[in-house]
Amino acid sequence: MFIVHVFIHVKPEHLEAFKAATLSNVKNSIKEPGISRFDFLQDEDPNKFVLVEVYRTPEDAAKHKETPHYMVWRDAVAPMMAEPRSSRKYSNIAPDEGGWDSMQPLSS
């Protein structure tokens, strides 16, 4: 498994638009066969977020960045950022690979 945490700080005036754009990206991303999980988390500071992206391989992470929904999201949220987003990459220790496959589709 290849895990990426993306840290995002949004300008307060774009909070709701950012959440809507990101939810759309999440709904499409979890349909990708190379993604086991794609979690969207809001910090105790309401303008900060983390995306927890769990890919089967590093190549699946690269493929994700080539999808139309990712490119639409990337371009839409760029002007909403209070600072450039950053990421950290991780290797899985636990749970085993089967433990990540508990992804449920988002309700509409």
N, C-alpha and C. Protein backbone atom coordinates (compact mmCIF):
# COMPACT_ATOMS: atom_id res chain seq x y z
N MET A 1 0.84 -1.17 0.00
CA MET A 1 0.00 0.00 0.00
C MET A 1 0.89 1.24 0.00
N PHE A 2 0.42 2.28 -0.64
CA PHE A 2 1.13 3.55 -0.73
C PHE A 2 0.16 4.61 -0.22
N ILE A 3 0.53 5.29 0.84
CA ILE A 3 -0.37 6.20 1.52
C ILE A 3 0.17 7.62 1.44
N VAL A 4 -0.73 8.55 1.11
CA VAL A 4 -0.35 9.96 1.01
C VAL A 4 -1.30 10.76 1.89
N HIS A 5 -0.74 11.62 2.72
CA HIS A 5 -1.52 12.59 3.48
C HIS A 5 -1.26 13.95 2.84
N VAL A 6 -2.34 14.59 2.41
CA VAL A 6 -2.25 15.91 1.77
C VAL A 6 -2.80 16.93 2.77
N PHE A 7 -1.99 17.93 3.09
CA PHE A 7 -2.35 18.96 4.07
C PHE A 7 -2.75 20.23 3.33
N ILE A 8 -3.94 20.73 3.66
CA ILE A 8 -4.51 21.84 2.90
C ILE A 8 -5.00 22.91 3.87
N HIS A 9 -4.65 24.16 3.57
CA HIS A 9 -5.11 25.33 4.33
C HIS A 9 -5.87 26.22 3.35
N VAL A 10 -7.16 26.42 3.63
CA VAL A 10 -8.06 27.13 2.72
C VAL A 10 -8.37 28.52 3.28
N LYS A 11 -8.50 29.48 2.38
CA LYS A 11 -8.94 30.82 2.78
C LYS A 11 -10.37 30.72 3.32
N PRO A 12 -10.66 31.40 4.44
CA PRO A 12 -11.99 31.26 5.06
C PRO A 12 -13.16 31.56 4.11
N GLU A 13 -12.99 32.49 3.23
CA GLU A 13 -14.09 32.85 2.33
C GLU A 13 -14.39 31.78 1.28
N HIS A 14 -13.52 30.78 1.17
CA HIS A 14 -13.70 29.71 0.19
C HIS A 14 -14.04 28.37 0.84
N LEU A 15 -14.31 28.38 2.11
CA LEU A 15 -14.49 27.14 2.86
C LEU A 15 -15.56 26.22 2.26
N GLU A 16 -16.75 26.73 2.04
CA GLU A 16 -17.83 25.88 1.54
C GLU A 16 -17.59 25.44 0.09
N ALA A 17 -17.07 26.33 -0.74
CA ALA A 17 -16.77 25.96 -2.12
C ALA A 17 -15.68 24.89 -2.17
N PHE A 18 -14.69 25.01 -1.29
CA PHE A 18 -13.63 24.01 -1.24
C PHE A 18 -14.20 22.66 -0.83
N LYS A 19 -15.02 22.65 0.20
CA LYS A 19 -15.60 21.38 0.65
C LYS A 19 -16.44 20.74 -0.45
N ALA A 20 -17.23 21.52 -1.16
CA ALA A 20 -18.05 20.96 -2.24
C ALA A 20 -17.18 20.39 -3.36
N ALA A 21 -16.16 21.13 -3.77
CA ALA A 21 -15.27 20.66 -4.84
C ALA A 21 -14.53 19.39 -4.42
N THR A 22 -14.10 19.36 -3.18
CA THR A 22 -13.34 18.20 -2.70
C THR A 22 -14.24 16.98 -2.54
N LEU A 23 -15.46 17.16 -2.07
CA LEU A 23 -16.39 16.03 -1.99
C LEU A 23 -16.63 15.43 -3.36
N SER A 24 -16.74 16.25 -4.38
CA SER A 24 -16.90 15.74 -5.74
C SER A 24 -15.68 14.93 -6.16
N ASN A 25 -14.50 15.42 -5.86
CA ASN A 25 -13.27 14.69 -6.17
C ASN A 25 -13.23 13.36 -5.42
N VAL A 26 -13.59 13.37 -4.15
CA VAL A 26 -13.59 12.15 -3.35
C VAL A 26 -14.54 11.11 -3.95
N LYS A 27 -15.76 11.53 -4.28
CA LYS A 27 -16.75 10.60 -4.83
C LYS A 27 -16.26 9.94 -6.11
N ASN A 28 -15.54 10.68 -6.93
CA ASN A 28 -14.99 10.10 -8.16
C ASN A 28 -13.73 9.29 -7.90
N SER A 29 -12.91 9.73 -6.98
CA SER A 29 -11.65 9.05 -6.70
C SER A 29 -11.86 7.65 -6.15
N ILE A 30 -12.86 7.47 -5.28
CA ILE A 30 -13.06 6.15 -4.68
C ILE A 30 -13.54 5.12 -5.70
N LYS A 31 -13.89 5.55 -6.89
CA LYS A 31 -14.28 4.63 -7.96
C LYS A 31 -13.06 4.09 -8.71
N GLU A 32 -11.90 4.70 -8.49
CA GLU A 32 -10.69 4.25 -9.19
C GLU A 32 -10.25 2.90 -8.63
N PRO A 33 -9.93 1.94 -9.51
CA PRO A 33 -9.56 0.60 -9.03
C PRO A 33 -8.28 0.58 -8.18
N GLY A 34 -7.39 1.54 -8.34
CA GLY A 34 -6.14 1.54 -7.60
C GLY A 34 -6.22 2.23 -6.25
N ILE A 35 -7.41 2.71 -5.86
CA ILE A 35 -7.56 3.42 -4.59
C ILE A 35 -8.33 2.54 -3.61
N SER A 36 -7.75 2.32 -2.44
CA SER A 36 -8.41 1.56 -1.38
C SER A 36 -9.22 2.47 -0.46
N ARG A 37 -8.70 3.65 -0.17
CA ARG A 37 -9.41 4.63 0.66
C ARG A 37 -9.06 6.03 0.18
N PHE A 38 -9.99 6.95 0.42
CA PHE A 38 -9.75 8.35 0.08
C PHE A 38 -10.57 9.15 1.08
N ASP A 39 -9.95 9.48 2.20
CA ASP A 39 -10.65 10.13 3.32
C ASP A 39 -10.42 11.64 3.29
N PHE A 40 -11.46 12.38 3.60
CA PHE A 40 -11.45 13.85 3.61
C PHE A 40 -11.75 14.29 5.04
N LEU A 41 -10.76 14.88 5.70
CA LEU A 41 -10.86 15.23 7.11
C LEU A 41 -10.69 16.72 7.33
N GLN A 42 -11.47 17.26 8.25
CA GLN A 42 -11.37 18.68 8.61
C GLN A 42 -10.72 18.78 9.99
N ASP A 43 -9.76 19.66 10.11
CA ASP A 43 -9.01 19.91 11.33
C ASP A 43 -9.89 20.66 12.35
N GLU A 44 -9.41 20.75 13.59
CA GLU A 44 -10.13 21.58 14.57
C GLU A 44 -10.10 23.05 14.15
N ASP A 45 -9.09 23.45 13.39
CA ASP A 45 -9.10 24.74 12.70
C ASP A 45 -9.93 24.50 11.44
N PRO A 46 -11.14 25.06 11.32
CA PRO A 46 -12.04 24.71 10.22
C PRO A 46 -11.51 25.02 8.83
N ASN A 47 -10.43 25.77 8.73
CA ASN A 47 -9.87 26.11 7.42
C ASN A 47 -8.73 25.17 7.01
N LYS A 48 -8.49 24.15 7.81
CA LYS A 48 -7.41 23.19 7.50
C LYS A 48 -8.00 21.80 7.32
N PHE A 49 -7.45 21.09 6.35
CA PHE A 49 -7.95 19.77 5.97
C PHE A 49 -6.80 18.82 5.72
N VAL A 50 -7.13 17.53 5.76
CA VAL A 50 -6.19 16.48 5.38
C VAL A 50 -6.94 15.51 4.47
N LEU A 51 -6.31 15.17 3.39
CA LEU A 51 -6.78 14.06 2.55
C LEU A 51 -5.88 12.87 2.87
N VAL A 52 -6.48 11.75 3.19
CA VAL A 52 -5.74 10.51 3.43
C VAL A 52 -6.05 9.61 2.24
N GLU A 53 -5.06 9.46 1.39
CA GLU A 53 -5.23 8.73 0.14
C GLU A 53 -4.45 7.42 0.24
N VAL A 54 -5.14 6.30 0.10
CA VAL A 54 -4.50 4.99 0.20
C VAL A 54 -4.58 4.31 -1.16
N TYR A 55 -3.42 4.15 -1.77
CA TYR A 55 -3.30 3.56 -3.10
C TYR A 55 -2.72 2.15 -2.98
N ARG A 56 -3.03 1.32 -3.93
CA ARG A 56 -2.46 -0.03 -3.94
C ARG A 56 -0.97 0.02 -4.29
N THR A 57 -0.59 0.95 -5.17
CA THR A 57 0.81 1.08 -5.59
C THR A 57 1.13 2.56 -5.82
N PRO A 58 2.41 2.92 -5.82
CA PRO A 58 2.78 4.29 -6.18
C PRO A 58 2.31 4.65 -7.60
N GLU A 59 2.27 3.68 -8.49
CA GLU A 59 1.80 3.93 -9.86
C GLU A 59 0.33 4.34 -9.88
N ASP A 60 -0.46 3.77 -8.96
CA ASP A 60 -1.87 4.15 -8.87
C ASP A 60 -2.02 5.61 -8.43
N ALA A 61 -1.11 6.07 -7.58
CA ALA A 61 -1.14 7.48 -7.19
C ALA A 61 -0.85 8.38 -8.39
N ALA A 62 0.09 7.98 -9.21
CA ALA A 62 0.41 8.75 -10.42
C ALA A 62 -0.77 8.73 -11.39
N LYS A 63 -1.43 7.59 -11.54
CA LYS A 63 -2.59 7.49 -12.43
C LYS A 63 -3.72 8.41 -11.94
N HIS A 64 -3.89 8.50 -10.63
CA HIS A 64 -4.93 9.37 -10.07
C HIS A 64 -4.76 10.81 -10.54
N LYS A 65 -3.52 11.27 -10.59
CA LYS A 65 -3.25 12.65 -10.99
C LYS A 65 -3.50 12.90 -12.47
N GLU A 66 -3.75 11.85 -13.23
CA GLU A 66 -4.05 11.98 -14.65
C GLU A 66 -5.55 11.94 -14.93
N THR A 67 -6.37 11.73 -13.91
CA THR A 67 -7.81 11.61 -14.12
C THR A 67 -8.45 12.98 -14.32
N PRO A 68 -9.51 13.04 -15.11
CA PRO A 68 -10.20 14.32 -15.31
C PRO A 68 -10.73 14.93 -14.01
N HIS A 69 -11.27 14.09 -13.10
CA HIS A 69 -11.82 14.67 -11.87
C HIS A 69 -10.74 15.27 -10.99
N TYR A 70 -9.55 14.67 -10.96
CA TYR A 70 -8.46 15.27 -10.19
C TYR A 70 -8.04 16.61 -10.79
N MET A 71 -7.90 16.66 -12.11
CA MET A 71 -7.47 17.90 -12.76
C MET A 71 -8.49 19.02 -12.57
N VAL A 72 -9.77 18.69 -12.62
CA VAL A 72 -10.82 19.68 -12.38
C VAL A 72 -10.70 20.19 -10.94
N TRP A 73 -10.55 19.26 -9.99
CA TRP A 73 -10.41 19.65 -8.58
C TRP A 73 -9.18 20.54 -8.37
N ARG A 74 -8.04 20.09 -8.87
CA ARG A 74 -6.78 20.82 -8.70
C ARG A 74 -6.90 22.26 -9.19
N ASP A 75 -7.47 22.44 -10.37
CA ASP A 75 -7.60 23.78 -10.93
C ASP A 75 -8.65 24.62 -10.19
N ALA A 76 -9.73 23.97 -9.75
CA ALA A 76 -10.79 24.70 -9.06
C ALA A 76 -10.34 25.20 -7.68
N VAL A 77 -9.58 24.38 -6.96
CA VAL A 77 -9.24 24.75 -5.58
C VAL A 77 -7.95 25.57 -5.47
N ALA A 78 -7.17 25.62 -6.51
CA ALA A 78 -5.89 26.35 -6.43
C ALA A 78 -6.06 27.78 -5.91
N PRO A 79 -7.02 28.57 -6.42
CA PRO A 79 -7.14 29.94 -5.90
C PRO A 79 -7.76 30.01 -4.50
N MET A 80 -8.23 28.90 -3.99
CA MET A 80 -8.84 28.88 -2.66
C MET A 80 -7.83 28.67 -1.54
N MET A 81 -6.61 28.33 -1.90
CA MET A 81 -5.59 27.98 -0.92
C MET A 81 -5.02 29.21 -0.20
N ALA A 82 -4.90 29.10 1.11
CA ALA A 82 -4.24 30.14 1.90
C ALA A 82 -2.73 30.00 1.79
N GLU A 83 -2.27 28.80 1.47
CA GLU A 83 -0.85 28.50 1.24
C GLU A 83 -0.81 27.25 0.37
N PRO A 84 0.30 26.99 -0.29
CA PRO A 84 0.36 25.79 -1.13
C PRO A 84 0.13 24.53 -0.31
N ARG A 85 -0.61 23.59 -0.87
CA ARG A 85 -0.82 22.33 -0.15
C ARG A 85 0.49 21.56 -0.11
N SER A 86 0.61 20.69 0.88
CA SER A 86 1.81 19.87 1.02
C SER A 86 1.38 18.43 1.26
N SER A 87 2.32 17.51 1.09
CA SER A 87 1.98 16.11 1.31
C SER A 87 3.16 15.36 1.92
N ARG A 88 2.80 14.26 2.56
CA ARG A 88 3.79 13.33 3.09
C ARG A 88 3.37 11.94 2.65
N LYS A 89 4.36 11.12 2.33
CA LYS A 89 4.10 9.78 1.84
C LYS A 89 4.51 8.76 2.89
N TYR A 90 3.70 7.68 2.99
CA TYR A 90 3.90 6.67 4.02
C TYR A 90 3.83 5.27 3.43
N SER A 91 4.49 4.35 4.11
CA SER A 91 4.37 2.93 3.81
C SER A 91 3.51 2.29 4.89
N ASN A 92 2.71 1.34 4.51
CA ASN A 92 1.80 0.69 5.43
C ASN A 92 2.50 -0.33 6.32
N ILE A 93 2.13 -0.35 7.59
CA ILE A 93 2.56 -1.40 8.52
C ILE A 93 1.34 -2.23 8.93
N ALA A 94 0.29 -1.57 9.38
CA ALA A 94 -0.94 -2.26 9.79
C ALA A 94 -2.10 -1.31 9.55
N PRO A 95 -3.27 -1.77 9.18
CA PRO A 95 -3.65 -3.17 8.98
C PRO A 95 -3.04 -3.72 7.70
N ASP A 96 -3.18 -5.05 7.51
CA ASP A 96 -2.68 -5.61 6.26
C ASP A 96 -3.54 -5.07 5.11
N GLU A 97 -3.18 -5.40 3.91
CA GLU A 97 -3.86 -4.82 2.75
C GLU A 97 -5.36 -5.02 2.77
N GLY A 98 -5.82 -6.16 3.24
CA GLY A 98 -7.26 -6.42 3.30
C GLY A 98 -7.99 -5.49 4.24
N GLY A 99 -7.30 -4.98 5.25
CA GLY A 99 -7.91 -4.08 6.21
C GLY A 99 -8.23 -2.72 5.66
N TRP A 100 -7.65 -2.36 4.53
CA TRP A 100 -7.92 -1.06 3.90
C TRP A 100 -9.14 -1.10 3.00
N ASP A 101 -9.60 -2.26 2.64
CA ASP A 101 -10.68 -2.38 1.67
C ASP A 101 -12.06 -2.30 2.30
N SER A 102 -12.26 -1.32 3.15
CA SER A 102 -13.57 -1.14 3.78
C SER A 102 -14.22 0.14 3.28
N MET A 103 -13.88 0.54 2.06
CA MET A 103 -14.38 1.79 1.49
C MET A 103 -15.86 1.65 1.17
N GLN A 104 -16.65 2.59 1.64
CA GLN A 104 -18.07 2.64 1.33
C GLN A 104 -18.33 3.89 0.49
N PRO A 105 -19.17 3.77 -0.54
CA PRO A 105 -19.48 4.95 -1.34
C PRO A 105 -20.15 6.03 -0.48
N LEU A 106 -19.89 7.29 -0.82
CA LEU A 106 -20.54 8.39 -0.12
C LEU A 106 -21.99 8.47 -0.52
N SER A 107 -22.84 8.81 0.42
CA SER A 107 -24.25 9.00 0.08
C SER A 107 -24.38 10.29 -0.72
N SER A 108 -25.37 10.35 -1.55
CA SER A 108 -25.56 11.53 -2.41
C SER A 108 -26.09 12.70 -1.66
